Every structure is written in structure tokens, then in C-alpha cells.
């Protein structure tokens, strides 16, 4: 989906990519983490919102940050 956003008077397109499925084990977390990582490596600004109650993407991010800080 594309949304118009006004940031400091400049209009630009914001891309939103979502992964959703009621069934567990379908690859939502894996796909969203890997695509977010690749887009960030390519220089895009990325926001990964983990709304799954298991919060696996959040746990992965926190583990990655701990490894980078050590």
C-alpha cells in the first residue's frame, strides 16, 4: 500500500509491507525480519512492528543488539 505523508511540508510516498496470517508457523516473522534487514542494508529507513503475541521478531532484535554491543 502507498500512503501520502506530509513531513515538513514535503509530500512523499511511504511504502507499507505487511505479513499476516492467523495460523502459526507460516513464516511471518522470518519473512518480515529478512526483508526488513535487506531493505535496511540497501539504505532504506525501516520500521519493523512485531504485533505477534509471541514477539519473536522483537526477541531477535534484542539478541542482535546485545551481540553488537559486546
PDB file of N, CA and C in Angstrom:
ATOM      1  N   UNK A   1       0.839  -1.175   0.000  1.00  0.00           N
ATOM      2  CA  UNK A   1       0.000   0.000   0.000  1.00  0.00           C
ATOM      3  C   UNK A   1       0.882   1.236   0.000  1.00  0.00           C
ATOM      4  N   UNK A   2       0.421   2.278  -0.618  1.00  0.00           N
ATOM      5  CA  UNK A   2       1.132   3.548  -0.611  1.00  0.00           C
ATOM      6  C   UNK A   2       0.292   4.586   0.124  1.00  0.00           C
ATOM      7  N   UNK A   3       0.934   5.328   0.981  1.00  0.00           N
ATOM      8  CA  UNK A   3       0.259   6.385   1.717  1.00  0.00           C
ATOM      9  C   UNK A   3       1.021   7.679   1.496  1.00  0.00           C
ATOM     10  N   UNK A   4       0.300   8.772   1.302  1.00  0.00           N
ATOM     11  CA  UNK A   4       0.942  10.079   1.239  1.00  0.00           C
ATOM     12  C   UNK A   4       1.154  10.569   2.653  1.00  0.00           C
ATOM     13  N   UNK A   5       2.316  11.119   2.910  1.00  0.00           N
ATOM     14  CA  UNK A   5       2.570  11.688   4.229  1.00  0.00           C
ATOM     15  C   UNK A   5       3.171  13.068   4.051  1.00  0.00           C
ATOM     16  N   UNK A   6       2.844  13.950   4.941  1.00  0.00           N
ATOM     17  CA  UNK A   6       3.394  15.299   4.927  1.00  0.00           C
ATOM     18  C   UNK A   6       4.459  15.389   5.997  1.00  0.00           C
ATOM     19  N   UNK A   7       5.703  15.553   5.591  1.00  0.00           N
ATOM     20  CA  UNK A   7       6.811  15.695   6.518  1.00  0.00           C
ATOM     21  C   UNK A   7       7.506  17.009   6.213  1.00  0.00           C
ATOM     22  N   UNK A   8       7.390  17.959   7.131  1.00  0.00           N
ATOM     23  CA  UNK A   8       7.981  19.283   6.973  1.00  0.00           C
ATOM     24  C   UNK A   8       7.608  19.902   5.629  1.00  0.00           C
ATOM     25  N   UNK A   9       6.346  19.742   5.237  1.00  0.00           N
ATOM     26  CA  UNK A   9       5.865  20.357   4.016  1.00  0.00           C
ATOM     27  C   UNK A   9       6.253  19.624   2.743  1.00  0.00           C
ATOM     28  N   UNK A  10       6.949  18.511   2.852  1.00  0.00           N
ATOM     29  CA  UNK A  10       7.362  17.761   1.669  1.00  0.00           C
ATOM     30  C   UNK A  10       6.488  16.515   1.564  1.00  0.00           C
ATOM     31  N   UNK A  11       5.834  16.373   0.437  1.00  0.00           N
ATOM     32  CA  UNK A  11       4.995  15.198   0.233  1.00  0.00           C
ATOM     33  C   UNK A  11       5.843  14.083  -0.363  1.00  0.00           C
ATOM     34  N   UNK A  12       5.727  12.885   0.213  1.00  0.00           N
ATOM     35  CA  UNK A  12       6.442  11.741  -0.340  1.00  0.00           C
ATOM     36  C   UNK A  12       5.628  10.479  -0.105  1.00  0.00           C
ATOM     37  N   UNK A  13       5.929   9.473  -0.876  1.00  0.00           N
ATOM     38  CA  UNK A  13       5.210   8.211  -0.763  1.00  0.00           C
ATOM     39  C   UNK A  13       5.888   7.325   0.282  1.00  0.00           C
ATOM     40  N   UNK A  14       5.086   6.732   1.134  1.00  0.00           N
ATOM     41  CA  UNK A  14       5.578   5.812   2.148  1.00  0.00           C
ATOM     42  C   UNK A  14       5.064   4.427   1.774  1.00  0.00           C
ATOM     43  N   UNK A  15       5.955   3.466   1.716  1.00  0.00           N
ATOM     44  CA  UNK A  15       5.563   2.096   1.372  1.00  0.00           C
ATOM     45  C   UNK A  15       5.340   1.300   2.657  1.00  0.00           C
ATOM     46  N   UNK A  16       4.269   0.539   2.677  1.00  0.00           N
ATOM     47  CA  UNK A  16       3.945  -0.309   3.823  1.00  0.00           C
ATOM     48  C   UNK A  16       3.866  -1.749   3.324  1.00  0.00           C
ATOM     49  N   UNK A  17       4.643  -2.631   3.940  1.00  0.00           N
ATOM     50  CA  UNK A  17       4.611  -4.057   3.613  1.00  0.00           C
ATOM     51  C   UNK A  17       4.117  -4.781   4.861  1.00  0.00           C
ATOM     52  N   UNK A  18       3.098  -5.598   4.711  1.00  0.00           N
ATOM     53  CA  UNK A  18       2.572  -6.325   5.869  1.00  0.00           C
ATOM     54  C   UNK A  18       2.573  -7.828   5.596  1.00  0.00           C
ATOM     55  N   UNK A  19       2.793  -8.587   6.653  1.00  0.00           N
ATOM     56  CA  UNK A  19       2.682 -10.040   6.610  1.00  0.00           C
ATOM     57  C   UNK A  19       1.677 -10.431   7.675  1.00  0.00           C
ATOM     58  N   UNK A  20       0.686 -11.183   7.296  1.00  0.00           N
ATOM     59  CA  UNK A  20      -0.308 -11.594   8.275  1.00  0.00           C
ATOM     60  C   UNK A  20      -0.907 -12.948   7.943  1.00  0.00           C
ATOM     61  N   UNK A  21      -1.209 -13.696   8.978  1.00  0.00           N
ATOM     62  CA  UNK A  21      -1.863 -14.986   8.839  1.00  0.00           C
ATOM     63  C   UNK A  21      -2.279 -15.419  10.242  1.00  0.00           C
ATOM     64  N   UNK A  22      -3.458 -15.967  10.374  1.00  0.00           N
ATOM     65  CA  UNK A  22      -3.911 -16.415  11.689  1.00  0.00           C
ATOM     66  C   UNK A  22      -3.184 -17.678  12.141  1.00  0.00           C
ATOM     67  N   UNK A  23      -2.730 -18.471  11.188  1.00  0.00           N
ATOM     68  CA  UNK A  23      -2.072 -19.738  11.504  1.00  0.00           C
ATOM     69  C   UNK A  23      -0.621 -19.475  11.888  1.00  0.00           C
ATOM     70  N   UNK A  24      -0.128 -20.189  12.858  1.00  0.00           N
ATOM     71  CA  UNK A  24       1.275 -20.071  13.239  1.00  0.00           C
ATOM     72  C   UNK A  24       2.169 -20.881  12.320  1.00  0.00           C
ATOM     73  N   UNK A  25       3.437 -20.541  12.287  1.00  0.00           N
ATOM     74  CA  UNK A  25       4.403 -21.310  11.517  1.00  0.00           C
ATOM     75  C   UNK A  25       4.370 -21.080  10.026  1.00  0.00           C
ATOM     76  N   UNK A  26       3.812 -19.956   9.592  1.00  0.00           N
ATOM     77  CA  UNK A  26       3.710 -19.689   8.155  1.00  0.00           C
ATOM     78  C   UNK A  26       4.847 -18.827   7.629  1.00  0.00           C
ATOM     79  N   UNK A  27       5.755 -18.403   8.494  1.00  0.00           N
ATOM     80  CA  UNK A  27       6.913 -17.631   8.049  1.00  0.00           C
ATOM     81  C   UNK A  27       6.768 -16.124   8.155  1.00  0.00           C
ATOM     82  N   UNK A  28       5.781 -15.659   8.894  1.00  0.00           N
ATOM     83  CA  UNK A  28       5.578 -14.213   9.025  1.00  0.00           C
ATOM     84  C   UNK A  28       6.798 -13.524   9.620  1.00  0.00           C
ATOM     85  N   UNK A  29       7.287 -14.029  10.729  1.00  0.00           N
ATOM     86  CA  UNK A  29       8.429 -13.414  11.407  1.00  0.00           C
ATOM     87  C   UNK A  29       9.688 -13.539  10.568  1.00  0.00           C
ATOM     88  N   UNK A  30       9.938 -14.706  10.019  1.00  0.00           N
ATOM     89  CA  UNK A  30      11.138 -14.918   9.208  1.00  0.00           C
ATOM     90  C   UNK A  30      11.145 -13.986   8.007  1.00  0.00           C
ATOM     91  N   UNK A  31      10.046 -13.944   7.268  1.00  0.00           N
ATOM     92  CA  UNK A  31       9.977 -13.085   6.083  1.00  0.00           C
ATOM     93  C   UNK A  31      10.086 -11.612   6.437  1.00  0.00           C
ATOM     94  N   UNK A  32       9.366 -11.180   7.464  1.00  0.00           N
ATOM     95  CA  UNK A  32       9.404  -9.761   7.811  1.00  0.00           C
ATOM     96  C   UNK A  32      10.786  -9.344   8.308  1.00  0.00           C
ATOM     97  N   UNK A  33      11.451 -10.184   9.088  1.00  0.00           N
ATOM     98  CA  UNK A  33      12.801  -9.860   9.570  1.00  0.00           C
ATOM     99  C   UNK A  33      13.806  -9.812   8.427  1.00  0.00           C
ATOM    100  N   UNK A  34      13.753 -10.787   7.540  1.00  0.00           N
ATOM    101  CA  UNK A  34      14.721 -10.840   6.447  1.00  0.00           C
ATOM    102  C   UNK A  34      14.524  -9.701   5.449  1.00  0.00           C
ATOM    103  N   UNK A  35      13.281  -9.391   5.114  1.00  0.00           N
ATOM    104  CA  UNK A  35      13.030  -8.289   4.187  1.00  0.00           C
ATOM    105  C   UNK A  35      13.401  -6.965   4.832  1.00  0.00           C
ATOM    106  N   UNK A  36      13.087  -6.785   6.112  1.00  0.00           N
ATOM    107  CA  UNK A  36      13.473  -5.556   6.818  1.00  0.00           C
ATOM    108  C   UNK A  36      14.986  -5.392   6.832  1.00  0.00           C
ATOM    109  N   UNK A  37      15.692  -6.477   7.093  1.00  0.00           N
ATOM    110  CA  UNK A  37      17.160  -6.452   7.128  1.00  0.00           C
ATOM    111  C   UNK A  37      17.728  -6.053   5.773  1.00  0.00           C
ATOM    112  N   UNK A  38      17.235  -6.683   4.703  1.00  0.00           N
ATOM    113  CA  UNK A  38      17.759  -6.391   3.363  1.00  0.00           C
ATOM    114  C   UNK A  38      17.475  -4.947   2.956  1.00  0.00           C
ATOM    115  N   UNK A  39      16.277  -4.457   3.241  1.00  0.00           N
ATOM    116  CA  UNK A  39      15.945  -3.074   2.897  1.00  0.00           C
ATOM    117  C   UNK A  39      16.821  -2.096   3.676  1.00  0.00           C
ATOM    118  N   UNK A  40      17.052  -2.378   4.955  1.00  0.00           N
ATOM    119  CA  UNK A  40      17.920  -1.513   5.766  1.00  0.00           C
ATOM    120  C   UNK A  40      19.349  -1.530   5.231  1.00  0.00           C
ATOM    121  N   UNK A  41      19.848  -2.706   4.829  1.00  0.00           N
ATOM    122  CA  UNK A  41      21.199  -2.807   4.268  1.00  0.00           C
ATOM    123  C   UNK A  41      21.323  -2.024   2.960  1.00  0.00           C
ATOM    124  N   UNK A  42      20.205  -1.864   2.247  1.00  0.00           N
ATOM    125  CA  UNK A  42      20.196  -1.109   0.996  1.00  0.00           C
ATOM    126  C   UNK A  42      20.018   0.389   1.232  1.00  0.00           C
ATOM    127  N   UNK A  43      19.918   0.804   2.492  1.00  0.00           N
ATOM    128  CA  UNK A  43      19.841   2.219   2.813  1.00  0.00           C
ATOM    129  C   UNK A  43      18.450   2.765   3.061  1.00  0.00           C
ATOM    130  N   UNK A  44      17.443   1.921   3.018  1.00  0.00           N
ATOM    131  CA  UNK A  44      16.085   2.383   3.286  1.00  0.00           C
ATOM    132  C   UNK A  44      15.868   2.527   4.785  1.00  0.00           C
ATOM    133  N   UNK A  45      15.026   3.478   5.158  1.00  0.00           N
ATOM    134  CA  UNK A  45      14.605   3.594   6.550  1.00  0.00           C
ATOM    135  C   UNK A  45      13.504   2.564   6.769  1.00  0.00           C
ATOM    136  N   UNK A  46      13.662   1.752   7.801  1.00  0.00           N
ATOM    137  CA  UNK A  46      12.756   0.621   8.024  1.00  0.00           C
ATOM    138  C   UNK A  46      12.215   0.662   9.444  1.00  0.00           C
ATOM    139  N   UNK A  47      10.933   0.405   9.578  1.00  0.00           N
ATOM    140  CA  UNK A  47      10.307   0.205  10.883  1.00  0.00           C
ATOM    141  C   UNK A  47       9.673  -1.176  10.858  1.00  0.00           C
ATOM    142  N   UNK A  48      10.126  -2.049  11.739  1.00  0.00           N
ATOM    143  CA  UNK A  48       9.556  -3.392  11.863  1.00  0.00           C
ATOM    144  C   UNK A  48       8.712  -3.421  13.131  1.00  0.00           C
ATOM    145  N   UNK A  49       7.405  -3.549  12.967  1.00  0.00           N
ATOM    146  CA  UNK A  49       6.488  -3.605  14.109  1.00  0.00           C
ATOM    147  C   UNK A  49       6.034  -5.049  14.283  1.00  0.00           C
ATOM    148  N   UNK A  50       6.410  -5.647  15.393  1.00  0.00           N
ATOM    149  CA  UNK A  50       6.072  -7.039  15.687  1.00  0.00           C
ATOM    150  C   UNK A  50       4.814  -7.057  16.548  1.00  0.00           C
ATOM    151  N   UNK A  51       3.679  -7.355  15.948  1.00  0.00           N
ATOM    152  CA  UNK A  51       2.411  -7.366  16.679  1.00  0.00           C
ATOM    153  C   UNK A  51       1.986  -8.771  17.079  1.00  0.00           C
ATOM    154  N   UNK A  52       2.815  -9.751  16.806  1.00  0.00           N
ATOM    155  CA  UNK A  52       2.539 -11.137  17.189  1.00  0.00           C
ATOM    156  C   UNK A  52       2.718 -11.274  18.700  1.00  0.00           C
ATOM    157  N   UNK A  53       1.776 -11.896  19.401  1.00  0.00           N
ATOM    158  CA  UNK A  53       1.907 -12.039  20.857  1.00  0.00           C
ATOM    159  C   UNK A  53       3.184 -12.758  21.302  1.00  0.00           C
ATOM    160  N   UNK A  54       3.733 -13.633  20.451  1.00  0.00           N
ATOM    161  CA  UNK A  54       4.977 -14.316  20.807  1.00  0.00           C
ATOM    162  C   UNK A  54       6.175 -13.380  20.739  1.00  0.00           C
ATOM    163  N   UNK A  55       6.083 -12.320  19.973  1.00  0.00           N
ATOM    164  CA  UNK A  55       7.125 -11.286  19.854  1.00  0.00           C
ATOM    165  C   UNK A  55       8.488 -11.860  19.460  1.00  0.00           C
ATOM    166  N   UNK A  56       8.513 -12.808  18.543  1.00  0.00           N
ATOM    167  CA  UNK A  56       9.774 -13.404  18.119  1.00  0.00           C
ATOM    168  C   UNK A  56      10.684 -12.408  17.408  1.00  0.00           C
ATOM    169  N   UNK A  57      10.117 -11.512  16.607  1.00  0.00           N
ATOM    170  CA  UNK A  57      10.936 -10.514  15.919  1.00  0.00           C
ATOM    171  C   UNK A  57      11.569  -9.561  16.928  1.00  0.00           C
ATOM    172  N   UNK A  58      10.831  -9.193  17.954  1.00  0.00           N
ATOM    173  CA  UNK A  58      11.369  -8.323  18.999  1.00  0.00           C
ATOM    174  C   UNK A  58      12.500  -9.026  19.739  1.00  0.00           C
ATOM    175  N   UNK A  59      12.313 -10.287  20.066  1.00  0.00           N
ATOM    176  CA  UNK A  59      13.356 -11.051  20.760  1.00  0.00           C
ATOM    177  C   UNK A  59      14.604 -11.168  19.893  1.00  0.00           C
ATOM    178  N   UNK A  60      14.437 -11.392  18.588  1.00  0.00           N
ATOM    179  CA  UNK A  60      15.575 -11.487  17.673  1.00  0.00           C
ATOM    180  C   UNK A  60      16.329 -10.164  17.618  1.00  0.00           C
ATOM    181  N   UNK A  61      15.602  -9.058  17.550  1.00  0.00           N
ATOM    182  CA  UNK A  61      16.229  -7.738  17.507  1.00  0.00           C
ATOM    183  C   UNK A  61      17.024  -7.474  18.787  1.00  0.00           C
ATOM    184  N   UNK A  62      16.448  -7.795  19.930  1.00  0.00           N
ATOM    185  CA  UNK A  62      17.140  -7.554  21.198  1.00  0.00           C
ATOM    186  C   UNK A  62      18.393  -8.410  21.318  1.00  0.00           C
ATOM    187  N   UNK A  63      18.338  -9.668  20.870  1.00  0.00           N
ATOM    188  CA  UNK A  63      19.525 -10.528  20.892  1.00  0.00           C
ATOM    189  C   UNK A  63      20.604  -9.976  19.971  1.00  0.00           C
ATOM    190  N   UNK A  64      20.216  -9.482  18.800  1.00  0.00           N
ATOM    191  CA  UNK A  64      21.167  -8.910  17.844  1.00  0.00           C
ATOM    192  C   UNK A  64      21.839  -7.687  18.441  1.00  0.00           C
ATOM    193  N   UNK A  65      21.080  -6.826  19.100  1.00  0.00           N
ATOM    194  CA  UNK A  65      21.637  -5.623  19.726  1.00  0.00           C
ATOM    195  C   UNK A  65      22.628  -5.993  20.822  1.00  0.00           C
ATOM    196  N   UNK A  66      22.321  -7.034  21.616  1.00  0.00           N
ATOM    197  CA  UNK A  66      23.225  -7.456  22.686  1.00  0.00           C
ATOM    198  C   UNK A  66      24.542  -7.954  22.111  1.00  0.00           C
ATOM    199  N   UNK A  67      24.500  -8.695  21.024  1.00  0.00           N
ATOM    200  CA  UNK A  67      25.718  -9.210  20.391  1.00  0.00           C
ATOM    201  C   UNK A  67      26.547  -8.061  19.837  1.00  0.00           C
ATOM    202  N   UNK A  68      25.895  -7.072  19.213  1.00  0.00           N
ATOM    203  CA  UNK A  68      26.608  -5.928  18.647  1.00  0.00           C
ATOM    204  C   UNK A  68      27.270  -5.086  19.728  1.00  0.00           C
ATOM    205  N   UNK A  69      26.645  -4.993  20.893  1.00  0.00           N
ATOM    206  CA  UNK A  69      27.177  -4.158  21.972  1.00  0.00           C
ATOM    207  C   UNK A  69      28.308  -4.832  22.741  1.00  0.00           C
ATOM    208  N   UNK A  70      28.483  -6.122  22.614  1.00  0.00           N
ATOM    209  CA  UNK A  70      29.546  -6.840  23.338  1.00  0.00           C
ATOM    210  C   UNK A  70      30.814  -6.909  22.541  1.00  0.00           C
TER     211      UNK A  70
END
